[in-house]
Amino acid sequence: MDAATPLTPEELERYARHIVLPEIGGAGQQKLKRARVLVIGAGGLGAPVLQYLAAAGIGTLAIVDNDHVSLSNLQRQVVHDTQSIGMAKTESARAAISRINPNVIVILHDLRVTAANAAQLVSQYDIVADGSDNFETRYAIADACAAEGKPLVHAAVGRFDGSITVLKPFESDAEGRPNPSYRDLFPSPPPPGLVPSCAEAGILGALTGVVGTLQAMEVIKLVTGIGEPLVGKLLLYDALAARFETMRYKRA
């Protein structure tokens, strides 16, 4: 991250409710301003992640997506609207971010993440938030973040349930034990066809808002150094029961 840049009078007013929090203050807001966050996917999870990180004052948001906005997206992908149908999701999301906070620098990557390009992609940023909807991308991003030493905030949703965790396998816990990786949590992807897509199984739109907002919260905690990130913990959300549970996992 670059050296501290003074907050402008407009920024001091914009982020006033952050700055009065002793845990964040002016120094924490400057950390947010200097941060470079890569968001994988501008869909159901990426929408609230991008909106809340932009509103929070993350200085640079990079968006990865190679899809276009369709009418069926709008029930949950709230960063887009009816006028965005047919647009590239990256372009639509950039327009929404500029309306929320014109101070944010937005970088677009109109591509599909693969094992071949993931490392070069994540190496440019401080933290990665993965809201992708397929296991190929999830493994590619997780492996690249582990190799490049980049914290990864991973989330997934399906029907009425969601999960979120923070991955920092390149560091150790307070007892000196290496933190677990994504492959410790999911050693191998499920067989093809076992996990139905959202189009096949359906998904409650508001669920992605809950889980994506939690994902944004974990990014903010990592950037500012406040609280206890979900490292080695998988937070599970059951929307129908309105229940949260936390499952601990370790390095294999």
Protein backbone atom coordinates (compact mmCIF):
# COMPACT_ATOMS: atom_id res chain seq x y z
CA MET A 1 0.00 0.00 0.00
CA ASP A 2 1.13 3.55 -0.68
CA ALA A 3 1.94 6.12 1.98
CA ALA A 4 -0.97 7.78 3.76
CA THR A 5 -2.89 10.28 1.68
CA PRO A 6 -4.77 12.99 3.60
CA LEU A 7 -8.55 12.70 3.47
CA THR A 8 -10.22 15.59 1.68
CA PRO A 9 -12.94 17.68 3.40
CA GLU A 10 -15.52 15.88 1.26
CA GLU A 11 -14.15 12.49 2.33
CA LEU A 12 -14.12 13.51 5.99
CA GLU A 13 -17.84 14.24 5.72
CA ARG A 14 -18.61 11.20 3.59
CA TYR A 15 -16.94 8.80 6.02
CA ALA A 16 -17.79 10.66 9.23
CA ARG A 17 -19.66 7.70 10.73
CA HIS A 18 -16.57 5.53 10.22
CA ILE A 19 -14.15 8.09 11.54
CA VAL A 20 -15.99 8.55 14.84
CA LEU A 21 -15.58 4.82 15.51
CA PRO A 22 -12.45 4.52 17.70
CA GLU A 23 -11.64 1.16 16.08
CA ILE A 24 -11.42 2.80 12.63
CA GLY A 25 -10.87 6.54 12.96
CA GLY A 26 -8.99 8.60 10.41
CA ALA A 27 -6.11 6.11 10.23
CA GLY A 28 -8.44 3.23 9.44
CA GLN A 29 -10.25 5.25 6.80
CA GLN A 30 -6.91 6.03 5.15
CA LYS A 31 -6.19 2.27 5.07
CA LEU A 32 -9.48 1.76 3.29
CA LYS A 33 -8.61 4.52 0.83
CA ARG A 34 -5.23 2.92 0.05
CA ALA A 35 -6.60 -0.62 -0.28
CA ARG A 36 -6.79 -2.46 -3.60
CA VAL A 37 -9.46 -5.16 -3.54
CA LEU A 38 -10.18 -7.68 -6.28
CA VAL A 39 -13.79 -8.93 -6.47
CA ILE A 40 -14.41 -12.11 -8.43
CA GLY A 41 -17.85 -11.92 -9.98
CA ALA A 42 -20.32 -9.05 -10.30
CA GLY A 43 -23.30 -11.28 -9.57
CA GLY A 44 -25.38 -12.13 -6.53
CA LEU A 45 -22.51 -12.03 -4.03
CA GLY A 46 -20.36 -9.52 -5.88
CA ALA A 47 -23.20 -6.99 -5.99
CA PRO A 48 -23.38 -6.26 -2.23
CA VAL A 49 -19.63 -6.70 -1.86
CA LEU A 50 -18.97 -4.01 -4.47
CA GLN A 51 -21.66 -1.67 -3.18
CA TYR A 52 -20.60 -1.76 0.45
CA LEU A 53 -16.88 -1.64 -0.26
CA ALA A 54 -17.42 1.35 -2.55
CA ALA A 55 -19.53 3.08 0.09
CA ALA A 56 -16.89 2.27 2.73
CA GLY A 57 -14.22 4.08 0.74
CA ILE A 58 -12.05 1.27 -0.63
CA GLY A 59 -9.70 3.19 -2.90
CA THR A 60 -9.43 0.70 -5.75
CA LEU A 61 -11.98 -1.95 -6.66
CA ALA A 62 -11.18 -4.40 -9.43
CA ILE A 63 -14.01 -6.47 -10.92
CA VAL A 64 -13.63 -9.77 -12.74
CA ASP A 65 -16.56 -11.01 -14.83
CA ASN A 66 -17.07 -11.99 -18.46
CA ASP A 67 -20.87 -12.18 -18.44
CA HIS A 68 -23.62 -9.77 -19.50
CA VAL A 69 -26.63 -8.62 -17.49
CA SER A 70 -29.81 -10.58 -18.16
CA LEU A 71 -33.33 -10.06 -16.86
CA SER A 72 -33.13 -13.15 -14.63
CA ASN A 73 -30.11 -11.65 -12.82
CA LEU A 74 -32.04 -8.70 -11.42
CA GLN A 75 -33.87 -10.65 -8.69
CA ARG A 76 -30.60 -10.81 -6.72
CA GLN A 77 -27.78 -8.94 -8.50
CA VAL A 78 -28.76 -5.53 -7.18
CA VAL A 79 -25.71 -3.68 -8.48
CA HIS A 80 -27.46 -3.89 -11.88
CA ASP A 81 -30.87 -2.58 -12.92
CA THR A 82 -33.35 -2.96 -15.77
CA GLN A 83 -31.52 -0.37 -17.87
CA SER A 84 -28.36 -2.50 -17.60
CA ILE A 85 -29.78 -5.52 -19.43
CA GLY A 86 -27.40 -6.52 -22.21
CA MET A 87 -24.45 -4.58 -20.77
CA ALA A 88 -21.26 -6.26 -19.64
CA LYS A 89 -21.60 -6.85 -15.91
CA THR A 90 -18.27 -5.14 -15.29
CA GLU A 91 -19.41 -1.97 -17.07
CA SER A 92 -22.79 -1.99 -15.33
CA ALA A 93 -21.13 -2.45 -11.94
CA ARG A 94 -18.66 0.36 -12.64
CA ALA A 95 -21.53 2.73 -13.43
CA ALA A 96 -23.25 1.82 -10.16
CA ILE A 97 -20.06 2.29 -8.16
CA SER A 98 -19.52 5.74 -9.67
CA ARG A 99 -23.00 6.73 -8.51
CA ILE A 100 -22.31 5.45 -4.98
CA ASN A 101 -18.82 6.89 -4.59
CA PRO A 102 -17.00 8.71 -7.41
CA ASN A 103 -13.77 8.64 -5.37
CA VAL A 104 -13.31 4.90 -6.02
CA ILE A 105 -10.96 3.83 -8.81
CA VAL A 106 -12.56 0.92 -10.71
CA ILE A 107 -10.50 -1.54 -12.76
CA LEU A 108 -12.27 -3.99 -15.05
CA HIS A 109 -11.12 -7.48 -16.00
CA ASP A 110 -13.52 -8.85 -18.62
CA LEU A 111 -12.30 -12.41 -18.50
CA ARG A 112 -12.88 -15.84 -17.02
CA VAL A 113 -10.48 -16.82 -14.24
CA THR A 114 -8.43 -19.94 -14.94
CA ALA A 115 -5.49 -21.67 -13.28
CA ALA A 116 -3.32 -20.10 -16.00
CA ASN A 117 -4.21 -16.44 -15.32
CA ALA A 118 -5.25 -16.41 -11.65
CA ALA A 119 -1.83 -15.78 -10.10
CA GLN A 120 -1.01 -12.83 -12.35
CA LEU A 121 -4.44 -11.40 -11.61
CA VAL A 122 -4.43 -11.64 -7.81
CA SER A 123 -0.80 -10.49 -7.50
CA GLN A 124 -1.89 -6.92 -8.37
CA TYR A 125 -4.19 -6.52 -5.36
CA ASP A 126 -4.11 -6.60 -1.54
CA ILE A 127 -7.19 -8.73 -0.81
CA VAL A 128 -9.48 -10.92 -2.92
CA ALA A 129 -13.22 -11.45 -2.40
CA ASP A 130 -14.47 -14.50 -4.30
CA GLY A 131 -18.14 -14.58 -5.22
CA SER A 132 -17.78 -16.98 -8.15
CA ASP A 133 -20.36 -19.66 -8.85
CA ASN A 134 -18.22 -22.60 -10.01
CA PHE A 135 -15.59 -24.82 -8.44
CA GLU A 136 -13.02 -24.40 -11.23
CA THR A 137 -12.78 -20.68 -10.50
CA ARG A 138 -12.85 -21.17 -6.73
CA TYR A 139 -9.91 -23.56 -6.75
CA ALA A 140 -7.93 -21.41 -9.19
CA ILE A 141 -8.42 -18.30 -7.08
CA ALA A 142 -7.73 -20.05 -3.77
CA ASP A 143 -4.53 -21.66 -5.06
CA ALA A 144 -3.33 -18.37 -6.54
CA CYS A 145 -4.04 -16.40 -3.36
CA ALA A 146 -2.18 -18.99 -1.29
CA ALA A 147 0.83 -18.87 -3.62
CA GLU A 148 0.86 -15.05 -3.81
CA GLY A 149 0.26 -14.49 -0.08
CA LYS A 150 -3.04 -12.64 -0.56
CA PRO A 151 -5.91 -12.94 1.94
CA LEU A 152 -9.02 -14.46 0.39
CA VAL A 153 -12.58 -13.89 1.58
CA HIS A 154 -14.55 -16.77 0.12
CA ALA A 155 -18.33 -17.12 0.08
CA ALA A 156 -20.86 -19.42 -1.54
CA VAL A 157 -24.65 -19.63 -1.65
CA GLY A 158 -27.31 -22.10 -2.71
CA ARG A 159 -31.11 -22.01 -2.48
CA PHE A 160 -31.59 -20.81 1.15
CA ASP A 161 -28.10 -21.37 2.60
CA GLY A 162 -24.77 -19.60 2.51
CA SER A 163 -21.24 -19.88 3.85
CA ILE A 164 -18.24 -17.60 4.28
CA THR A 165 -14.65 -18.03 5.40
CA VAL A 166 -11.31 -16.17 5.33
CA LEU A 167 -8.24 -17.95 3.99
CA LYS A 168 -4.67 -17.02 4.94
CA PRO A 169 -2.78 -20.32 4.58
CA PHE A 170 0.52 -18.46 4.19
CA GLU A 171 0.34 -17.41 7.88
CA SER A 172 0.18 -19.27 11.20
CA ASP A 173 -2.16 -18.96 14.17
CA ALA A 174 -1.26 -17.78 17.69
CA GLU A 175 0.04 -21.26 18.54
CA GLY A 176 2.31 -21.35 15.50
CA ARG A 177 0.16 -23.80 13.52
CA PRO A 178 -0.20 -23.07 9.79
CA ASN A 179 -3.64 -21.74 8.87
CA PRO A 180 -5.78 -24.02 6.71
CA SER A 181 -6.25 -23.60 2.98
CA TYR A 182 -9.31 -23.93 0.76
CA ARG A 183 -8.20 -27.46 -0.08
CA ASP A 184 -8.21 -28.35 3.62
CA LEU A 185 -11.86 -27.31 3.69
CA PHE A 186 -12.76 -28.85 0.30
CA PRO A 187 -10.03 -31.34 -0.70
CA SER A 188 -11.54 -31.92 -4.14
CA PRO A 189 -14.45 -30.58 -6.18
CA PRO A 190 -17.70 -32.54 -6.21
CA PRO A 191 -18.45 -34.77 -9.21
CA PRO A 192 -19.94 -32.91 -12.17
CA GLY A 193 -23.69 -32.52 -11.84
CA LEU A 194 -23.82 -33.21 -8.10
CA VAL A 195 -24.22 -29.53 -7.11
CA PRO A 196 -26.97 -27.92 -9.22
CA SER A 197 -26.55 -24.37 -10.51
CA CYS A 198 -28.72 -21.47 -9.36
CA ALA A 199 -30.60 -21.71 -12.65
CA GLU A 200 -31.40 -25.35 -11.93
CA ALA A 201 -32.09 -25.24 -8.19
CA GLY A 202 -33.17 -21.62 -7.70
CA ILE A 203 -31.92 -19.16 -5.10
CA LEU A 204 -33.55 -16.63 -2.80
CA GLY A 205 -32.36 -13.19 -3.87
CA ALA A 206 -32.07 -11.67 -0.40
CA LEU A 207 -29.81 -14.56 0.67
CA THR A 208 -27.02 -13.25 -1.55
CA GLY A 209 -27.43 -9.83 0.07
CA VAL A 210 -26.93 -11.26 3.57
CA VAL A 211 -23.89 -13.37 2.67
CA GLY A 212 -22.32 -10.78 0.36
CA THR A 213 -22.63 -8.10 3.03
CA LEU A 214 -20.90 -10.39 5.52
CA GLN A 215 -18.19 -10.89 2.92
CA ALA A 216 -17.72 -7.12 2.62
CA MET A 217 -17.51 -6.91 6.41
CA GLU A 218 -14.66 -9.43 6.46
CA VAL A 219 -12.78 -7.44 3.81
CA ILE A 220 -13.15 -4.25 5.86
CA LYS A 221 -11.91 -6.06 8.98
CA LEU A 222 -8.85 -7.32 7.12
CA VAL A 223 -8.02 -3.91 5.66
CA THR A 224 -8.41 -1.99 8.92
CA GLY A 225 -7.07 -4.70 11.24
CA ILE A 226 -10.12 -4.70 13.50
CA GLY A 227 -11.98 -7.65 14.99
CA GLU A 228 -11.34 -11.34 14.41
CA PRO A 229 -11.53 -12.51 10.79
CA LEU A 230 -13.06 -15.89 9.96
CA VAL A 231 -9.68 -17.63 9.57
CA GLY A 232 -10.05 -21.34 10.19
CA LYS A 233 -13.78 -20.86 10.66
CA LEU A 234 -16.65 -21.46 8.26
CA LEU A 235 -19.71 -19.34 9.03
CA LEU A 236 -22.89 -21.07 7.91
CA TYR A 237 -26.19 -19.25 7.41
CA ASP A 238 -29.58 -20.97 7.18
CA ALA A 239 -31.99 -18.33 5.92
CA LEU A 240 -35.17 -20.35 6.51
CA ALA A 241 -34.30 -20.99 10.15
CA ALA A 242 -32.66 -17.57 10.64
CA ARG A 243 -29.70 -19.40 12.16
CA PHE A 244 -25.95 -18.85 12.05
CA GLU A 245 -23.47 -21.58 12.99
CA THR A 246 -19.67 -21.56 12.99
CA MET A 247 -17.65 -24.64 12.09
CA ARG A 248 -13.91 -24.72 12.82
CA TYR A 249 -11.49 -26.47 10.47
CA LYS A 250 -7.71 -26.98 10.50
CA ARG A 251 -4.77 -27.68 8.23
CA ALA A 252 -4.88 -31.31 7.17
